[in-house]
Amino acid sequence: MAALICGSLAFDTIMSFEGKFANQILPEQLHILNVSFLVPSLRRDFGGCAGNIAYSLKLLGGQPLTMATVGDDGAAYIERLKSQGMETRYVKQLTGTFTAQAMIMTDLDNNQITAFHPGAMMQAHVNVIDGSEGAAIAIVSPDGRDAMLQHAAQLQAAGVPFVFDPGQGLPMFNGQELLAFVEQATWITVNDYEAKMLCDRTGLDLAALSMQVQGLVVTLGEQGCEVWEQGSKTLVAPVKAQEVVDPTGCGDAWRGALLYGLEKGWSLAKCAALGNRVGALKVAAKGPQNYTLDFDPVTLEA
């Protein structure tokens, strides 16, 4: 069974600041903020929510169908997807623009400051879902605003169950637009900060939101996650990482595992537990797509 993954493909420039942001920023001087961070470590990785989710799902043995846009510089990303045995027919290369770029700086407390250039992502709505993709399940992850709105509506029209994963794109939408996403979606996944914003903008608490879908999951990082179903909450325990190296892409790794479990017809709690396990593997590796599994997914079927 294939999973359609709607979202961004991006190049991540990841920098490490060997200090704490809090020690460099004077709260009383925020109105004239002018700071510089020395970053001795810098690397460039393949990233973007769709690419990261697809990597996780493929690693587990799933069949990701990535739907995204890249720019003039995107050929290397397309070749990477192909080299990993992934389908690329729904990845469009657009001229006259760059592939989305994220510049991410992480401090010793794993706080992050990110600058994001959307580039080709802003034209992701040129990809149209008509039901011919053959996907049994889908996810709408952070992407261009128009693409997220249109893809959610198109998935509903095609009868494809999907996860609404607004992520860092959540602030682009007002309460009514977010309620429309909730009405169209089958599942919702957010982190704890996004959960608060989703509740504030829709006027519904998590229990009420979970009544509108089959399930809602709030990821809590090292504290595990909350699974909400029909107004009831279940806490799914975290998995301790062997080492905390880089948090970039942990949420996406978690979502790839979620899709894998949903494809298998697992309970939402079991899906979340697998997500916690894969997320712990990712945080122990540099970059969003450089980790490997320490278990055989086939053993999870029992």
Protein backbone atom coordinates (compact mmCIF):
# COMPACT_ATOMS: atom_id res chain seq x y z
CA MET A 1 0.00 0.00 0.00
CA ALA A 2 1.30 3.44 -0.91
CA ALA A 3 1.16 6.62 1.17
CA LEU A 4 0.95 10.00 -0.53
CA ILE A 5 3.16 12.50 1.28
CA CYS A 6 2.33 16.12 0.49
CA GLY A 7 4.85 18.64 1.76
CA SER A 8 8.20 20.28 1.20
CA LEU A 9 11.51 19.06 -0.13
CA ALA A 10 14.28 21.32 1.12
CA PHE A 11 18.00 21.61 1.54
CA ASP A 12 18.91 22.05 5.21
CA THR A 13 22.01 24.02 6.16
CA ILE A 14 22.60 22.97 9.76
CA MET A 15 24.89 24.88 12.10
CA SER A 16 25.91 24.18 15.71
CA PHE A 17 26.36 27.01 18.17
CA GLU A 18 28.60 25.88 21.02
CA GLY A 19 26.80 27.93 23.62
CA LYS A 20 23.29 28.83 24.74
CA PHE A 21 21.14 31.36 22.92
CA ALA A 22 19.79 32.54 26.28
CA ASN A 23 23.25 33.71 27.30
CA GLN A 24 23.63 35.83 24.16
CA ILE A 25 20.29 37.60 24.12
CA LEU A 26 19.45 40.42 26.53
CA PRO A 27 15.66 40.36 27.11
CA GLU A 28 15.52 44.08 27.89
CA GLN A 29 17.22 44.87 24.55
CA LEU A 30 15.01 42.84 22.22
CA HIS A 31 13.79 46.01 20.53
CA ILE A 32 17.32 46.61 19.23
CA LEU A 33 18.38 42.99 18.84
CA ASN A 34 21.71 42.64 17.05
CA VAL A 35 23.50 39.37 17.76
CA SER A 36 26.02 37.16 16.01
CA PHE A 37 26.63 33.47 16.70
CA LEU A 38 29.90 31.74 15.91
CA VAL A 39 29.08 28.33 14.36
CA PRO A 40 32.23 26.21 13.91
CA SER A 41 30.20 23.26 12.58
CA LEU A 42 28.19 23.49 9.35
CA ARG A 43 26.81 20.88 7.00
CA ARG A 44 24.21 20.61 4.25
CA ASP A 45 21.57 17.88 4.31
CA PHE A 46 18.55 16.75 2.36
CA GLY A 47 15.47 17.77 4.31
CA GLY A 48 11.98 19.20 4.11
CA CYS A 49 8.99 17.62 5.83
CA ALA A 50 7.91 15.47 2.88
CA GLY A 51 11.43 14.21 2.25
CA ASN A 52 12.03 13.42 5.91
CA ILE A 53 8.69 11.63 6.34
CA ALA A 54 9.26 9.66 3.15
CA TYR A 55 12.73 8.62 4.36
CA SER A 56 11.32 7.30 7.63
CA LEU A 57 8.46 5.44 5.96
CA LYS A 58 10.74 3.88 3.34
CA LEU A 59 13.22 2.81 6.03
CA LEU A 60 10.40 0.93 7.76
CA GLY A 61 9.40 -0.82 4.55
CA GLY A 62 6.54 1.46 3.44
CA GLN A 63 5.88 2.86 -0.02
CA PRO A 64 6.04 6.66 0.03
CA LEU A 65 4.71 8.69 -2.90
CA THR A 66 6.26 12.12 -2.42
CA MET A 67 4.29 15.06 -3.84
CA ALA A 68 6.37 18.24 -3.82
CA THR A 69 8.09 20.88 -5.92
CA VAL A 70 11.80 21.66 -6.31
CA GLY A 71 13.62 24.43 -8.15
CA ASP A 72 16.46 24.71 -10.66
CA ASP A 73 18.81 23.22 -8.07
CA GLY A 74 16.56 20.27 -7.27
CA ALA A 75 17.95 17.58 -9.58
CA ALA A 76 20.23 16.22 -6.87
CA TYR A 77 17.27 15.73 -4.54
CA ILE A 78 15.27 13.91 -7.20
CA GLU A 79 18.23 11.63 -7.87
CA ARG A 80 18.56 10.93 -4.15
CA LEU A 81 14.93 9.84 -3.92
CA LYS A 82 15.41 7.55 -6.92
CA SER A 83 18.58 6.07 -5.43
CA GLN A 84 16.57 5.09 -2.36
CA GLY A 85 13.99 3.30 -4.51
CA MET A 86 11.33 5.98 -4.10
CA GLU A 87 8.77 7.04 -6.69
CA THR A 88 9.36 10.58 -8.00
CA ARG A 89 6.61 11.09 -10.58
CA TYR A 90 4.81 13.55 -8.29
CA VAL A 91 7.91 15.67 -7.69
CA LYS A 92 7.87 18.63 -10.11
CA GLN A 93 10.97 20.62 -10.95
CA LEU A 94 10.16 24.28 -11.59
CA THR A 95 12.38 26.78 -13.38
CA GLY A 96 13.32 30.24 -12.23
CA THR A 97 13.31 29.44 -8.53
CA PHE A 98 15.34 27.70 -5.83
CA THR A 99 14.38 24.56 -3.96
CA ALA A 100 13.20 25.46 -0.45
CA GLN A 101 16.11 26.17 1.88
CA ALA A 102 16.25 25.96 5.68
CA MET A 103 19.10 27.49 7.65
CA ILE A 104 18.99 25.91 11.11
CA MET A 105 21.15 26.84 14.09
CA THR A 106 21.09 24.67 17.23
CA ASP A 107 22.52 25.54 20.65
CA LEU A 108 23.73 23.30 23.47
CA ASP A 109 20.19 23.07 24.90
CA ASN A 110 18.87 21.88 21.52
CA ASN A 111 17.02 25.16 21.03
CA GLN A 112 16.86 26.10 17.37
CA ILE A 113 16.72 29.30 15.33
CA THR A 114 15.62 28.72 11.74
CA ALA A 115 15.47 30.91 8.66
CA PHE A 116 13.39 29.41 5.85
CA HIS A 117 13.25 30.39 2.17
CA PRO A 118 10.21 28.64 0.60
CA GLY A 119 11.26 28.95 -3.05
CA ALA A 120 9.54 26.38 -5.25
CA MET A 121 7.42 25.24 -2.32
CA MET A 122 5.18 28.28 -2.80
CA GLN A 123 4.05 26.81 -6.11
CA ALA A 124 3.33 23.33 -4.75
CA HIS A 125 -0.36 23.79 -5.61
CA VAL A 126 0.53 23.02 -9.25
CA ASN A 127 0.43 19.39 -8.10
CA VAL A 128 -3.18 18.21 -8.22
CA ILE A 129 -4.56 15.12 -6.47
CA ASP A 130 -7.29 13.39 -8.45
CA GLY A 131 -7.38 9.94 -6.86
CA SER A 132 -5.38 8.25 -9.61
CA GLU A 133 -2.26 8.16 -7.44
CA GLY A 134 -3.26 4.82 -5.93
CA ALA A 135 -2.59 5.92 -2.35
CA ALA A 136 -4.39 4.18 0.50
CA ILE A 137 -3.45 6.91 2.96
CA ALA A 138 -1.92 10.40 2.85
CA ILE A 139 -0.49 13.21 4.93
CA VAL A 140 -0.74 16.96 4.42
CA SER A 141 2.41 18.34 6.02
CA PRO A 142 3.86 21.88 5.93
CA ASP A 143 3.90 23.17 2.36
CA GLY A 144 2.80 26.23 0.43
CA ARG A 145 -0.40 27.72 1.86
CA ASP A 146 -2.47 27.17 -1.29
CA ALA A 147 -1.12 23.64 -1.68
CA MET A 148 -2.13 22.66 1.85
CA LEU A 149 -5.65 24.02 1.40
CA GLN A 150 -6.13 22.43 -2.00
CA HIS A 151 -4.55 19.07 -1.25
CA ALA A 152 -6.68 18.58 1.86
CA ALA A 153 -9.85 19.29 -0.14
CA GLN A 154 -8.68 17.09 -3.02
CA LEU A 155 -7.88 14.17 -0.73
CA GLN A 156 -11.30 14.39 0.87
CA ALA A 157 -12.95 14.51 -2.56
CA ALA A 158 -10.92 11.46 -3.66
CA GLY A 159 -11.94 9.56 -0.52
CA VAL A 160 -8.35 9.14 0.69
CA PRO A 161 -7.99 9.22 4.51
CA PHE A 162 -5.25 11.60 5.55
CA VAL A 163 -3.28 13.00 8.46
CA PHE A 164 -3.41 16.76 8.94
CA ASP A 165 0.08 17.76 10.07
CA PRO A 166 0.21 21.59 10.01
CA GLY A 167 3.57 21.90 11.75
CA GLN A 168 5.31 25.22 11.27
CA GLY A 169 2.72 26.10 8.64
CA LEU A 170 -0.04 26.37 11.24
CA PRO A 171 0.30 30.17 11.75
CA MET A 172 -0.64 30.72 8.07
CA PHE A 173 -4.25 29.73 8.77
CA ASN A 174 -7.05 31.35 10.72
CA GLY A 175 -9.53 29.53 12.91
CA GLN A 176 -12.11 28.86 10.22
CA GLU A 177 -9.49 27.48 7.84
CA LEU A 178 -8.10 25.22 10.55
CA LEU A 179 -11.59 23.96 11.38
CA ALA A 180 -12.05 23.12 7.69
CA PHE A 181 -8.83 21.06 7.79
CA VAL A 182 -10.11 19.25 10.89
CA GLU A 183 -13.42 18.45 9.19
CA GLN A 184 -11.64 17.02 6.16
CA ALA A 185 -8.90 15.08 7.97
CA THR A 186 -9.02 11.59 9.44
CA TRP A 187 -6.20 12.14 11.95
CA ILE A 188 -4.33 15.16 13.32
CA THR A 189 -0.78 15.33 14.62
CA VAL A 190 0.86 18.34 16.26
CA ASN A 191 3.54 19.03 18.83
CA ASP A 192 2.65 20.59 22.18
CA TYR A 193 3.25 24.18 21.03
CA GLU A 194 1.21 23.67 17.86
CA ALA A 195 -1.54 22.01 19.90
CA LYS A 196 -1.91 25.15 22.00
CA MET A 197 -2.09 27.35 18.90
CA LEU A 198 -4.58 25.00 17.21
CA CYS A 199 -6.83 25.14 20.26
CA ASP A 200 -6.53 28.91 20.57
CA ARG A 201 -7.40 29.53 16.92
CA THR A 202 -10.24 27.02 16.60
CA GLY A 203 -11.75 27.68 20.02
CA LEU A 204 -11.83 23.93 20.73
CA ASP A 205 -9.80 22.02 23.30
CA LEU A 206 -7.97 18.80 22.45
CA ALA A 207 -10.80 16.61 23.69
CA ALA A 208 -13.30 18.40 21.44
CA LEU A 209 -10.95 18.35 18.45
CA SER A 210 -10.43 14.62 18.88
CA MET A 211 -14.19 14.11 18.61
CA GLN A 212 -14.03 15.48 15.06
CA VAL A 213 -11.50 12.90 13.80
CA GLN A 214 -10.51 9.28 14.36
CA GLY A 215 -7.55 10.36 16.45
CA LEU A 216 -5.30 13.26 17.45
CA VAL A 217 -1.72 12.93 18.66
CA VAL A 218 0.31 15.56 20.50
CA THR A 219 4.03 14.81 20.49
CA LEU A 220 5.91 15.87 23.63
CA GLY A 221 9.53 15.23 22.66
CA GLU A 222 11.42 13.36 25.36
CA GLN A 223 8.18 13.02 27.36
CA GLY A 224 6.51 10.79 24.76
CA CYS A 225 3.13 11.77 23.33
CA GLU A 226 -0.56 12.07 24.05
CA VAL A 227 -3.04 10.08 21.99
CA TRP A 228 -6.55 11.55 21.97
CA GLU A 229 -9.47 9.46 20.74
CA GLN A 230 -13.11 10.44 21.14
CA GLY A 231 -12.29 12.86 23.95
CA SER A 232 -10.11 10.47 25.95
CA LYS A 233 -6.35 10.84 26.42
CA THR A 234 -3.74 8.09 26.60
CA LEU A 235 -0.10 8.87 27.37
CA VAL A 236 2.35 6.83 25.29
CA ALA A 237 5.70 6.49 27.04
CA PRO A 238 8.85 7.92 25.48
CA VAL A 239 11.84 5.96 24.25
CA LYS A 240 15.13 7.20 25.63
CA ALA A 241 17.67 8.10 22.98
CA GLN A 242 21.15 6.62 23.34
CA GLU A 243 22.52 10.11 22.68
CA VAL A 244 21.03 13.50 21.88
CA VAL A 245 22.94 14.70 18.81
CA ASP A 246 20.54 16.61 16.57
CA PRO A 247 16.77 17.16 16.92
CA THR A 248 16.32 18.26 13.30
CA GLY A 249 13.68 16.08 11.63
CA CYS A 250 12.66 14.12 14.73
CA GLY A 251 9.00 15.03 14.31
CA ASP A 252 9.08 13.97 10.67
CA ALA A 253 10.71 10.64 11.55
CA TRP A 254 7.87 10.15 14.04
CA ARG A 255 5.28 10.89 11.34
CA GLY A 256 6.79 8.40 8.91
CA ALA A 257 6.35 5.73 11.58
CA LEU A 258 2.79 6.92 12.18
CA LEU A 259 1.95 6.41 8.52
CA TYR A 260 3.56 2.97 8.56
CA GLY A 261 1.41 1.87 11.48
CA LEU A 262 -1.77 3.39 10.07
CA GLU A 263 -1.16 1.54 6.79
CA LYS A 264 -0.94 -1.67 8.81
CA GLY A 265 -4.21 -0.97 10.60
CA TRP A 266 -2.56 -0.65 14.02
CA SER A 267 -4.09 1.15 16.96
CA LEU A 268 -3.10 4.79 17.22
CA ALA A 269 -1.26 4.10 20.47
CA LYS A 270 0.86 1.41 18.80
CA CYS A 271 1.60 3.78 15.90
CA ALA A 272 2.67 6.45 18.39
CA ALA A 273 4.92 4.02 20.25
CA LEU A 274 6.71 3.18 17.01
CA GLY A 275 7.01 6.89 16.29
CA ASN A 276 8.68 7.43 19.66
CA ARG A 277 11.11 4.62 18.91
CA VAL A 278 12.07 5.96 15.48
CA GLY A 279 12.28 9.52 16.78
CA ALA A 280 14.78 8.38 19.43
CA LEU A 281 16.94 6.85 16.70
CA LYS A 282 16.82 10.03 14.67
CA VAL A 283 17.80 12.36 17.52
CA ALA A 284 20.97 10.29 17.97
CA ALA A 285 22.11 10.98 14.39
CA LYS A 286 23.18 14.14 12.61
CA GLY A 287 20.82 15.40 9.92
CA PRO A 288 17.20 14.52 9.23
CA GLN A 289 17.84 11.59 6.87
CA ASN A 290 21.01 9.89 8.06
CA TYR A 291 19.79 7.46 10.73
CA THR A 292 19.23 3.71 10.42
CA LEU A 293 17.00 1.23 12.23
CA ASP A 294 18.26 -0.95 15.06
CA PHE A 295 15.34 -3.37 14.70
CA ASP A 296 13.52 -5.31 12.01
CA PRO A 297 10.04 -3.82 11.36
CA VAL A 298 8.75 -7.31 10.56
CA THR A 299 9.07 -8.19 14.26
CA LEU A 300 6.49 -5.52 15.10
CA GLU A 301 3.65 -7.33 13.38
CA ALA A 302 2.83 -9.52 16.37
